[in-house]
Amino acid sequence: MEIRKNETQLVCIARFIAKEGESDQLIKNLHALLLPTHQEGGCIRYELNQSIDNPHVITFIEKFYDQKTFDSHCNQKYIVDFFKGDKPDHVKEFDVSLHKEILK
């Protein structure tokens, strides 16, 4: 079996750990990013998830057409505003990792 990678599409996993007592507000604020992101031209997938084992862990699984459309997403006003305003108020830890999908 040949293993290939999708060399253009970009997958982003953004993991947030909410501050104590801030999970619900963080989810509300992150949920507000869904609709405008889904309307971006390069957005293929943008879903919000909560850990079953630790409800303070909230994760976005994102897929964009390419690096350029992902970079454009990161520079949207609503994303910049979230990271400057809401994130410091509600997030204890944050990390992001970028991936390429492995195809069969």
PDB file of N, CA and C in Angstrom:
ATOM      1  N   MET A   1       0.850  -1.183   0.000  1.00  0.00           N
ATOM      2  CA  MET A   1       0.000   0.000   0.000  1.00  0.00           C
ATOM      3  C   MET A   1       0.892   1.242   0.000  1.00  0.00           C
ATOM      4  N   GLU A   2       0.594   2.135  -0.888  1.00  0.00           N
ATOM      5  CA  GLU A   2       1.315   3.408  -0.958  1.00  0.00           C
ATOM      6  C   GLU A   2       0.694   4.399   0.026  1.00  0.00           C
ATOM      7  N   ILE A   3       1.524   5.035   0.818  1.00  0.00           N
ATOM      8  CA  ILE A   3       1.047   6.054   1.761  1.00  0.00           C
ATOM      9  C   ILE A   3       1.407   7.415   1.187  1.00  0.00           C
ATOM     10  N   ARG A   4       0.398   8.259   1.068  1.00  0.00           N
ATOM     11  CA  ARG A   4       0.611   9.598   0.525  1.00  0.00           C
ATOM     12  C   ARG A   4       0.109  10.622   1.538  1.00  0.00           C
ATOM     13  N   LYS A   5       0.610  11.823   1.421  1.00  0.00           N
ATOM     14  CA  LYS A   5       0.135  12.939   2.230  1.00  0.00           C
ATOM     15  C   LYS A   5      -0.520  13.955   1.318  1.00  0.00           C
ATOM     16  N   ASN A   6      -1.561  14.582   1.825  1.00  0.00           N
ATOM     17  CA  ASN A   6      -2.158  15.680   1.089  1.00  0.00           C
ATOM     18  C   ASN A   6      -1.223  16.868   1.259  1.00  0.00           C
ATOM     19  N   GLU A   7      -0.574  17.266   0.191  1.00  0.00           N
ATOM     20  CA  GLU A   7       0.479  18.281   0.282  1.00  0.00           C
ATOM     21  C   GLU A   7      -0.045  19.715   0.241  1.00  0.00           C
ATOM     22  N   THR A   8      -1.336  19.914  -0.001  1.00  0.00           N
ATOM     23  CA  THR A   8      -1.842  21.284  -0.056  1.00  0.00           C
ATOM     24  C   THR A   8      -2.716  21.625   1.149  1.00  0.00           C
ATOM     25  N   GLN A   9      -3.648  20.747   1.492  1.00  0.00           N
ATOM     26  CA  GLN A   9      -4.553  21.055   2.593  1.00  0.00           C
ATOM     27  C   GLN A   9      -3.811  21.052   3.920  1.00  0.00           C
ATOM     28  N   LEU A  10      -4.257  21.920   4.821  1.00  0.00           N
ATOM     29  CA  LEU A  10      -3.629  22.068   6.121  1.00  0.00           C
ATOM     30  C   LEU A  10      -4.640  21.728   7.211  1.00  0.00           C
ATOM     31  N   VAL A  11      -4.249  20.862   8.118  1.00  0.00           N
ATOM     32  CA  VAL A  11      -5.076  20.495   9.263  1.00  0.00           C
ATOM     33  C   VAL A  11      -4.462  21.141  10.503  1.00  0.00           C
ATOM     34  N   CYS A  12      -5.295  21.795  11.268  1.00  0.00           N
ATOM     35  CA  CYS A  12      -4.854  22.459  12.490  1.00  0.00           C
ATOM     36  C   CYS A  12      -5.624  21.857  13.664  1.00  0.00           C
ATOM     37  N   ILE A  13      -4.892  21.530  14.719  1.00  0.00           N
ATOM     38  CA  ILE A  13      -5.519  21.108  15.966  1.00  0.00           C
ATOM     39  C   ILE A  13      -5.154  22.155  17.009  1.00  0.00           C
ATOM     40  N   ALA A  14      -6.164  22.879  17.443  1.00  0.00           N
ATOM     41  CA  ALA A  14      -5.983  23.948  18.436  1.00  0.00           C
ATOM     42  C   ALA A  14      -6.619  23.482  19.736  1.00  0.00           C
ATOM     43  N   ARG A  15      -5.809  23.355  20.784  1.00  0.00           N
ATOM     44  CA  ARG A  15      -6.273  22.831  22.066  1.00  0.00           C
ATOM     45  C   ARG A  15      -6.212  23.931  23.125  1.00  0.00           C
ATOM     46  N   PHE A  16      -7.327  24.121  23.778  1.00  0.00           N
ATOM     47  CA  PHE A  16      -7.456  25.109  24.841  1.00  0.00           C
ATOM     48  C   PHE A  16      -7.756  24.387  26.145  1.00  0.00           C
ATOM     49  N   ILE A  17      -7.144  24.812  27.225  1.00  0.00           N
ATOM     50  CA  ILE A  17      -7.513  24.341  28.554  1.00  0.00           C
ATOM     51  C   ILE A  17      -8.064  25.544  29.300  1.00  0.00           C
ATOM     52  N   ALA A  18      -9.331  25.445  29.648  1.00  0.00           N
ATOM     53  CA  ALA A  18     -10.011  26.564  30.302  1.00  0.00           C
ATOM     54  C   ALA A  18      -9.531  26.745  31.734  1.00  0.00           C
ATOM     55  N   LYS A  19      -9.522  27.993  32.165  1.00  0.00           N
ATOM     56  CA  LYS A  19      -9.276  28.291  33.569  1.00  0.00           C
ATOM     57  C   LYS A  19     -10.422  27.713  34.386  1.00  0.00           C
ATOM     58  N   GLU A  20     -10.164  27.448  35.653  1.00  0.00           N
ATOM     59  CA  GLU A  20     -11.182  26.901  36.545  1.00  0.00           C
ATOM     60  C   GLU A  20     -12.432  27.783  36.513  1.00  0.00           C
ATOM     61  N   GLY A  21     -13.582  27.171  36.297  1.00  0.00           N
ATOM     62  CA  GLY A  21     -14.853  27.885  36.255  1.00  0.00           C
ATOM     63  C   GLY A  21     -15.123  28.643  34.970  1.00  0.00           C
ATOM     64  N   GLU A  22     -14.258  28.523  33.973  1.00  0.00           N
ATOM     65  CA  GLU A  22     -14.398  29.298  32.736  1.00  0.00           C
ATOM     66  C   GLU A  22     -14.755  28.455  31.510  1.00  0.00           C
ATOM     67  N   SER A  23     -14.950  27.147  31.689  1.00  0.00           N
ATOM     68  CA  SER A  23     -15.213  26.267  30.533  1.00  0.00           C
ATOM     69  C   SER A  23     -16.436  26.698  29.741  1.00  0.00           C
ATOM     70  N   ASP A  24     -17.544  26.951  30.410  1.00  0.00           N
ATOM     71  CA  ASP A  24     -18.776  27.312  29.700  1.00  0.00           C
ATOM     72  C   ASP A  24     -18.614  28.608  28.918  1.00  0.00           C
ATOM     73  N   GLN A  25     -17.980  29.602  29.515  1.00  0.00           N
ATOM     74  CA  GLN A  25     -17.779  30.873  28.817  1.00  0.00           C
ATOM     75  C   GLN A  25     -16.820  30.700  27.643  1.00  0.00           C
ATOM     76  N   LEU A  26     -15.778  29.909  27.830  1.00  0.00           N
ATOM     77  CA  LEU A  26     -14.843  29.656  26.737  1.00  0.00           C
ATOM     78  C   LEU A  26     -15.553  28.978  25.573  1.00  0.00           C
ATOM     79  N   ILE A  27     -16.368  27.973  25.867  1.00  0.00           N
ATOM     80  CA  ILE A  27     -17.114  27.289  24.812  1.00  0.00           C
ATOM     81  C   ILE A  27     -18.025  28.276  24.087  1.00  0.00           C
ATOM     82  N   LYS A  28     -18.707  29.112  24.830  1.00  0.00           N
ATOM     83  CA  LYS A  28     -19.593  30.114  24.219  1.00  0.00           C
ATOM     84  C   LYS A  28     -18.795  31.031  23.285  1.00  0.00           C
ATOM     85  N   ASN A  29     -17.651  31.498  23.740  1.00  0.00           N
ATOM     86  CA  ASN A  29     -16.839  32.401  22.921  1.00  0.00           C
ATOM     87  C   ASN A  29     -16.265  31.697  21.691  1.00  0.00           C
ATOM     88  N   LEU A  30     -15.825  30.456  21.862  1.00  0.00           N
ATOM     89  CA  LEU A  30     -15.307  29.705  20.716  1.00  0.00           C
ATOM     90  C   LEU A  30     -16.417  29.343  19.743  1.00  0.00           C
ATOM     91  N   HIS A  31     -17.580  29.029  20.273  1.00  0.00           N
ATOM     92  CA  HIS A  31     -18.722  28.690  19.411  1.00  0.00           C
ATOM     93  C   HIS A  31     -19.070  29.849  18.481  1.00  0.00           C
ATOM     94  N   ALA A  32     -18.884  31.075  18.956  1.00  0.00           N
ATOM     95  CA  ALA A  32     -19.174  32.264  18.146  1.00  0.00           C
ATOM     96  C   ALA A  32     -18.249  32.365  16.928  1.00  0.00           C
ATOM     97  N   LEU A  33     -17.124  31.646  16.937  1.00  0.00           N
ATOM     98  CA  LEU A  33     -16.193  31.673  15.803  1.00  0.00           C
ATOM     99  C   LEU A  33     -16.605  30.706  14.687  1.00  0.00           C
ATOM    100  N   LEU A  34     -17.508  29.797  14.977  1.00  0.00           N
ATOM    101  CA  LEU A  34     -17.863  28.760  14.005  1.00  0.00           C
ATOM    102  C   LEU A  34     -18.478  29.320  12.723  1.00  0.00           C
ATOM    103  N   LEU A  35     -19.560  30.048  12.830  1.00  0.00           N
ATOM    104  CA  LEU A  35     -20.266  30.514  11.637  1.00  0.00           C
ATOM    105  C   LEU A  35     -19.391  31.380  10.732  1.00  0.00           C
ATOM    106  N   PRO A  36     -18.728  32.411  11.252  1.00  0.00           N
ATOM    107  CA  PRO A  36     -17.924  33.210  10.329  1.00  0.00           C
ATOM    108  C   PRO A  36     -16.778  32.413   9.697  1.00  0.00           C
ATOM    109  N   THR A  37     -16.216  31.473  10.446  1.00  0.00           N
ATOM    110  CA  THR A  37     -15.134  30.662   9.873  1.00  0.00           C
ATOM    111  C   THR A  37     -15.674  29.737   8.793  1.00  0.00           C
ATOM    112  N   HIS A  38     -16.831  29.127   9.025  1.00  0.00           N
ATOM    113  CA  HIS A  38     -17.432  28.257   8.006  1.00  0.00           C
ATOM    114  C   HIS A  38     -17.710  29.027   6.712  1.00  0.00           C
ATOM    115  N   GLN A  39     -17.884  30.324   6.803  1.00  0.00           N
ATOM    116  CA  GLN A  39     -18.161  31.139   5.620  1.00  0.00           C
ATOM    117  C   GLN A  39     -16.902  31.587   4.885  1.00  0.00           C
ATOM    118  N   GLU A  40     -15.726  31.332   5.460  1.00  0.00           N
ATOM    119  CA  GLU A  40     -14.484  31.681   4.787  1.00  0.00           C
ATOM    120  C   GLU A  40     -14.285  30.755   3.581  1.00  0.00           C
ATOM    121  N   GLY A  41     -13.759  31.328   2.502  1.00  0.00           N
ATOM    122  CA  GLY A  41     -13.594  30.577   1.273  1.00  0.00           C
ATOM    123  C   GLY A  41     -12.741  29.334   1.375  1.00  0.00           C
ATOM    124  N   GLY A  42     -11.704  29.332   2.178  1.00  0.00           N
ATOM    125  CA  GLY A  42     -10.799  28.201   2.243  1.00  0.00           C
ATOM    126  C   GLY A  42     -11.086  27.199   3.337  1.00  0.00           C
ATOM    127  N   CYS A  43     -12.160  27.392   4.088  1.00  0.00           N
ATOM    128  CA  CYS A  43     -12.484  26.498   5.201  1.00  0.00           C
ATOM    129  C   CYS A  43     -13.134  25.225   4.690  1.00  0.00           C
ATOM    130  N   ILE A  44     -12.552  24.092   5.022  1.00  0.00           N
ATOM    131  CA  ILE A  44     -13.116  22.792   4.677  1.00  0.00           C
ATOM    132  C   ILE A  44     -13.787  22.173   5.896  1.00  0.00           C
ATOM    133  N   ARG A  45     -13.164  22.326   7.048  1.00  0.00           N
ATOM    134  CA  ARG A  45     -13.682  21.745   8.293  1.00  0.00           C
ATOM    135  C   ARG A  45     -13.287  22.662   9.442  1.00  0.00           C
ATOM    136  N   TYR A  46     -14.220  22.881  10.352  1.00  0.00           N
ATOM    137  CA  TYR A  46     -13.949  23.694  11.539  1.00  0.00           C
ATOM    138  C   TYR A  46     -14.929  23.229  12.601  1.00  0.00           C
ATOM    139  N   GLU A  47     -14.470  22.356  13.484  1.00  0.00           N
ATOM    140  CA  GLU A  47     -15.380  21.789  14.474  1.00  0.00           C
ATOM    141  C   GLU A  47     -14.828  21.954  15.877  1.00  0.00           C
ATOM    142  N   LEU A  48     -15.738  22.171  16.787  1.00  0.00           N
ATOM    143  CA  LEU A  48     -15.410  22.401  18.190  1.00  0.00           C
ATOM    144  C   LEU A  48     -15.742  21.142  18.990  1.00  0.00           C
ATOM    145  N   ASN A  49     -14.804  20.704  19.838  1.00  0.00           N
ATOM    146  CA  ASN A  49     -14.967  19.474  20.613  1.00  0.00           C
ATOM    147  C   ASN A  49     -14.585  19.718  22.069  1.00  0.00           C
ATOM    148  N   GLN A  50     -15.184  18.917  22.950  1.00  0.00           N
ATOM    149  CA  GLN A  50     -14.848  18.971  24.376  1.00  0.00           C
ATOM    150  C   GLN A  50     -14.430  17.577  24.820  1.00  0.00           C
ATOM    151  N   SER A  51     -13.351  17.504  25.576  1.00  0.00           N
ATOM    152  CA  SER A  51     -12.854  16.220  26.064  1.00  0.00           C
ATOM    153  C   SER A  51     -13.866  15.553  26.986  1.00  0.00           C
ATOM    154  N   ILE A  52     -14.028  14.263  26.802  1.00  0.00           N
ATOM    155  CA  ILE A  52     -14.892  13.481  27.686  1.00  0.00           C
ATOM    156  C   ILE A  52     -14.221  13.305  29.042  1.00  0.00           C
ATOM    157  N   ASP A  53     -12.911  13.086  29.035  1.00  0.00           N
ATOM    158  CA  ASP A  53     -12.164  12.837  30.270  1.00  0.00           C
ATOM    159  C   ASP A  53     -11.907  14.093  31.096  1.00  0.00           C
ATOM    160  N   ASN A  54     -11.794  15.234  30.427  1.00  0.00           N
ATOM    161  CA  ASN A  54     -11.515  16.487  31.128  1.00  0.00           C
ATOM    162  C   ASN A  54     -12.283  17.608  30.442  1.00  0.00           C
ATOM    163  N   PRO A  55     -13.428  18.000  30.976  1.00  0.00           N
ATOM    164  CA  PRO A  55     -14.270  19.008  30.310  1.00  0.00           C
ATOM    165  C   PRO A  55     -13.644  20.392  30.209  1.00  0.00           C
ATOM    166  N   HIS A  56     -12.489  20.594  30.827  1.00  0.00           N
ATOM    167  CA  HIS A  56     -11.780  21.866  30.683  1.00  0.00           C
ATOM    168  C   HIS A  56     -11.003  21.931  29.363  1.00  0.00           C
ATOM    169  N   VAL A  57     -10.849  20.791  28.699  1.00  0.00           N
ATOM    170  CA  VAL A  57     -10.090  20.729  27.447  1.00  0.00           C
ATOM    171  C   VAL A  57     -11.052  20.855  26.267  1.00  0.00           C
ATOM    172  N   ILE A  58     -10.863  21.923  25.507  1.00  0.00           N
ATOM    173  CA  ILE A  58     -11.690  22.234  24.346  1.00  0.00           C
ATOM    174  C   ILE A  58     -10.773  22.252  23.124  1.00  0.00           C
ATOM    175  N   THR A  59     -11.197  21.594  22.051  1.00  0.00           N
ATOM    176  CA  THR A  59     -10.328  21.456  20.886  1.00  0.00           C
ATOM    177  C   THR A  59     -11.060  21.831  19.611  1.00  0.00           C
ATOM    178  N   PHE A  60     -10.404  22.625  18.785  1.00  0.00           N
ATOM    179  CA  PHE A  60     -10.851  22.856  17.416  1.00  0.00           C
ATOM    180  C   PHE A  60     -10.083  21.896  16.516  1.00  0.00           C
ATOM    181  N   ILE A  61     -10.801  21.199  15.643  1.00  0.00           N
ATOM    182  CA  ILE A  61     -10.196  20.444  14.550  1.00  0.00           C
ATOM    183  C   ILE A  61     -10.549  21.233  13.296  1.00  0.00           C
ATOM    184  N   GLU A  62      -9.512  21.676  12.599  1.00  0.00           N
ATOM    185  CA  GLU A  62      -9.710  22.586  11.467  1.00  0.00           C
ATOM    186  C   GLU A  62      -9.028  22.021  10.225  1.00  0.00           C
ATOM    187  N   LYS A  63      -9.627  22.275   9.080  1.00  0.00           N
ATOM    188  CA  LYS A  63      -8.966  21.936   7.815  1.00  0.00           C
ATOM    189  C   LYS A  63      -9.212  23.081   6.842  1.00  0.00           C
ATOM    190  N   PHE A  64      -8.122  23.530   6.258  1.00  0.00           N
ATOM    191  CA  PHE A  64      -8.177  24.612   5.286  1.00  0.00           C
ATOM    192  C   PHE A  64      -7.561  24.157   3.967  1.00  0.00           C
ATOM    193  N   TYR A  65      -7.980  24.795   2.909  1.00  0.00           N
ATOM    194  CA  TYR A  65      -7.561  24.427   1.562  1.00  0.00           C
ATOM    195  C   TYR A  65      -6.041  24.410   1.406  1.00  0.00           C
ATOM    196  N   ASP A  66      -5.370  25.386   2.026  1.00  0.00           N
ATOM    197  CA  ASP A  66      -3.908  25.457   1.944  1.00  0.00           C
ATOM    198  C   ASP A  66      -3.391  26.407   3.018  1.00  0.00           C
ATOM    199  N   GLN A  67      -2.090  26.569   3.068  1.00  0.00           N
ATOM    200  CA  GLN A  67      -1.460  27.434   4.071  1.00  0.00           C
ATOM    201  C   GLN A  67      -1.948  28.877   3.930  1.00  0.00           C
ATOM    202  N   LYS A  68      -2.119  29.331   2.711  1.00  0.00           N
ATOM    203  CA  LYS A  68      -2.547  30.713   2.476  1.00  0.00           C
ATOM    204  C   LYS A  68      -3.935  30.974   3.077  1.00  0.00           C
ATOM    205  N   THR A  69      -4.873  30.050   2.861  1.00  0.00           N
ATOM    206  CA  THR A  69      -6.223  30.262   3.400  1.00  0.00           C
ATOM    207  C   THR A  69      -6.232  30.116   4.921  1.00  0.00           C
ATOM    208  N   PHE A  70      -5.368  29.261   5.462  1.00  0.00           N
ATOM    209  CA  PHE A  70      -5.244  29.167   6.917  1.00  0.00           C
ATOM    210  C   PHE A  70      -4.684  30.467   7.490  1.00  0.00           C
ATOM    211  N   ASP A  71      -3.649  30.998   6.865  1.00  0.00           N
ATOM    212  CA  ASP A  71      -3.075  32.266   7.319  1.00  0.00           C
ATOM    213  C   ASP A  71      -4.105  33.386   7.256  1.00  0.00           C
ATOM    214  N   SER A  72      -4.907  33.386   6.206  1.00  0.00           N
ATOM    215  CA  SER A  72      -5.971  34.387   6.085  1.00  0.00           C
ATOM    216  C   SER A  72      -6.962  34.244   7.236  1.00  0.00           C
ATOM    217  N   HIS A  73      -7.320  33.016   7.561  1.00  0.00           N
ATOM    218  CA  HIS A  73      -8.222  32.752   8.687  1.00  0.00           C
ATOM    219  C   HIS A  73      -7.644  33.336   9.985  1.00  0.00           C
ATOM    220  N   CYS A  74      -6.356  33.075  10.219  1.00  0.00           N
ATOM    221  CA  CYS A  74      -5.711  33.534  11.451  1.00  0.00           C
ATOM    222  C   CYS A  74      -5.687  35.054  11.564  1.00  0.00           C
ATOM    223  N   ASN A  75      -5.808  35.738  10.441  1.00  0.00           N
ATOM    224  CA  ASN A  75      -5.773  37.203  10.436  1.00  0.00           C
ATOM    225  C   ASN A  75      -7.153  37.850  10.382  1.00  0.00           C
ATOM    226  N   GLN A  76      -8.210  37.036  10.425  1.00  0.00           N
ATOM    227  CA  GLN A  76      -9.562  37.598  10.449  1.00  0.00           C
ATOM    228  C   GLN A  76      -9.771  38.357  11.757  1.00  0.00           C
ATOM    229  N   LYS A  77     -10.496  39.444  11.697  1.00  0.00           N
ATOM    230  CA  LYS A  77     -10.691  40.290  12.880  1.00  0.00           C
ATOM    231  C   LYS A  77     -11.270  39.512  14.058  1.00  0.00           C
ATOM    232  N   TYR A  78     -12.246  38.655  13.829  1.00  0.00           N
ATOM    233  CA  TYR A  78     -12.870  37.923  14.933  1.00  0.00           C
ATOM    234  C   TYR A  78     -11.900  36.927  15.578  1.00  0.00           C
ATOM    235  N   ILE A  79     -10.954  36.403  14.822  1.00  0.00           N
ATOM    236  CA  ILE A  79      -9.946  35.506  15.391  1.00  0.00           C
ATOM    237  C   ILE A  79      -8.921  36.317  16.193  1.00  0.00           C
ATOM    238  N   VAL A  80      -8.446  37.397  15.608  1.00  0.00           N
ATOM    239  CA  VAL A  80      -7.488  38.273  16.303  1.00  0.00           C
ATOM    240  C   VAL A  80      -8.109  38.803  17.598  1.00  0.00           C
ATOM    241  N   ASP A  81      -9.360  39.238  17.527  1.00  0.00           N
ATOM    242  CA  ASP A  81     -10.043  39.763  18.714  1.00  0.00           C
ATOM    243  C   ASP A  81     -10.165  38.693  19.802  1.00  0.00           C
ATOM    244  N   PHE A  82     -10.477  37.462  19.414  1.00  0.00           N
ATOM    245  CA  PHE A  82     -10.572  36.378  20.402  1.00  0.00           C
ATOM    246  C   PHE A  82      -9.239  36.203  21.122  1.00  0.00           C
ATOM    247  N   PHE A  83      -8.152  36.133  20.374  1.00  0.00           N
ATOM    248  CA  PHE A  83      -6.856  35.878  20.988  1.00  0.00           C
ATOM    249  C   PHE A  83      -6.350  37.059  21.817  1.00  0.00           C
ATOM    250  N   LYS A  84      -6.763  38.257  21.487  1.00  0.00           N
ATOM    251  CA  LYS A  84      -6.350  39.431  22.274  1.00  0.00           C
ATOM    252  C   LYS A  84      -7.234  39.648  23.491  1.00  0.00           C
ATOM    253  N   GLY A  85      -8.519  39.290  23.388  1.00  0.00           N
ATOM    254  CA  GLY A  85      -9.459  39.597  24.461  1.00  0.00           C
ATOM    255  C   GLY A  85      -9.935  38.395  25.246  1.00  0.00           C
ATOM    256  N   ASP A  86     -10.656  37.497  24.585  1.00  0.00           N
ATOM    257  CA  ASP A  86     -11.281  36.372  25.287  1.00  0.00           C
ATOM    258  C   ASP A  86     -10.278  35.344  25.786  1.00  0.00           C
ATOM    259  N   LYS A  87      -9.288  35.014  24.977  1.00  0.00           N
ATOM    260  CA  LYS A  87      -8.338  33.966  25.359  1.00  0.00           C
ATOM    261  C   LYS A  87      -7.653  34.269  26.688  1.00  0.00           C
ATOM    262  N   PRO A  88      -7.079  35.452  26.879  1.00  0.00           N
ATOM    263  CA  PRO A  88      -6.409  35.702  28.167  1.00  0.00           C
ATOM    264  C   PRO A  88      -7.350  35.601  29.370  1.00  0.00           C
ATOM    265  N   ASP A  89      -8.613  35.923  29.171  1.00  0.00           N
ATOM    266  CA  ASP A  89      -9.569  35.901  30.278  1.00  0.00           C
ATOM    267  C   ASP A  89     -10.003  34.494  30.675  1.00  0.00           C
ATOM    268  N   HIS A  90     -10.015  33.554  29.718  1.00  0.00           N
ATOM    269  CA  HIS A  90     -10.650  32.255  29.962  1.00  0.00           C
ATOM    270  C   HIS A  90      -9.740  31.044  29.778  1.00  0.00           C
ATOM    271  N   VAL A  91      -8.546  31.236  29.217  1.00  0.00           N
ATOM    272  CA  VAL A  91      -7.697  30.099  28.849  1.00  0.00           C
ATOM    273  C   VAL A  91      -6.468  30.023  29.747  1.00  0.00           C
ATOM    274  N   LYS A  92      -6.294  28.853  30.359  1.00  0.00           N
ATOM    275  CA  LYS A  92      -5.130  28.585  31.200  1.00  0.00           C
ATOM    276  C   LYS A  92      -3.936  28.176  30.340  1.00  0.00           C
ATOM    277  N   GLU A  93      -4.169  27.279  29.368  1.00  0.00           N
ATOM    278  CA  GLU A  93      -3.124  26.797  28.462  1.00  0.00           C
ATOM    279  C   GLU A  93      -3.680  26.712  27.056  1.00  0.00           C
ATOM    280  N   PHE A  94      -2.779  26.832  26.087  1.00  0.00           N
ATOM    281  CA  PHE A  94      -3.172  26.773  24.681  1.00  0.00           C
ATOM    282  C   PHE A  94      -2.020  26.224  23.865  1.00  0.00           C
ATOM    283  N   ASP A  95      -2.329  25.338  22.918  1.00  0.00           N
ATOM    284  CA  ASP A  95      -1.313  24.933  21.963  1.00  0.00           C
ATOM    285  C   ASP A  95      -1.977  24.627  20.622  1.00  0.00           C
ATOM    286  N   VAL A  96      -1.183  24.741  19.595  1.00  0.00           N
ATOM    287  CA  VAL A  96      -1.672  24.494  18.243  1.00  0.00           C
ATOM    288  C   VAL A  96      -0.638  23.646  17.515  1.00  0.00           C
ATOM    289  N   SER A  97      -1.125  22.709  16.722  1.00  0.00           N
ATOM    290  CA  SER A  97      -0.220  21.919  15.893  1.00  0.00           C
ATOM    291  C   SER A  97      -0.804  21.832  14.490  1.00  0.00           C
ATOM    292  N   LEU A  98       0.082  21.874  13.509  1.00  0.00           N
ATOM    293  CA  LEU A  98      -0.316  21.839  12.111  1.00  0.00           C
ATOM    294  C   LEU A  98       0.067  20.483  11.522  1.00  0.00           C
ATOM    295  N   HIS A  99      -0.811  19.973  10.654  1.00  0.00           N
ATOM    296  CA  HIS A  99      -0.659  18.613  10.129  1.00  0.00           C
ATOM    297  C   HIS A  99      -1.010  18.577   8.646  1.00  0.00           C
ATOM    298  N   LYS A 100      -0.597  17.488   8.009  1.00  0.00           N
ATOM    299  CA  LYS A 100      -1.045  17.129   6.668  1.00  0.00           C
ATOM    300  C   LYS A 100      -1.776  15.801   6.781  1.00  0.00           C
ATOM    301  N   GLU A 101      -2.892  15.695   6.106  1.00  0.00           N
ATOM    302  CA  GLU A 101      -3.673  14.459   6.139  1.00  0.00           C
ATOM    303  C   GLU A 101      -2.926  13.343   5.408  1.00  0.00           C
ATOM    304  N   ILE A 102      -2.941  12.155   5.987  1.00  0.00           N
ATOM    305  CA  ILE A 102      -2.348  10.998   5.344  1.00  0.00           C
ATOM    306  C   ILE A 102      -3.450  10.283   4.570  1.00  0.00           C
ATOM    307  N   LEU A 103      -3.219  10.088   3.293  1.00  0.00           N
ATOM    308  CA  LEU A 103      -4.190   9.460   2.408  1.00  0.00           C
ATOM    309  C   LEU A 103      -3.790   8.018   2.120  1.00  0.00           C
ATOM    310  N   LYS A 104      -4.741   7.191   1.783  1.00  0.00           N
ATOM    311  CA  LYS A 104      -4.433   5.815   1.374  1.00  0.00           C
ATOM    312  C   LYS A 104      -4.095   5.766  -0.089  1.00  0.00           C
TER     313      LYS A 104
END
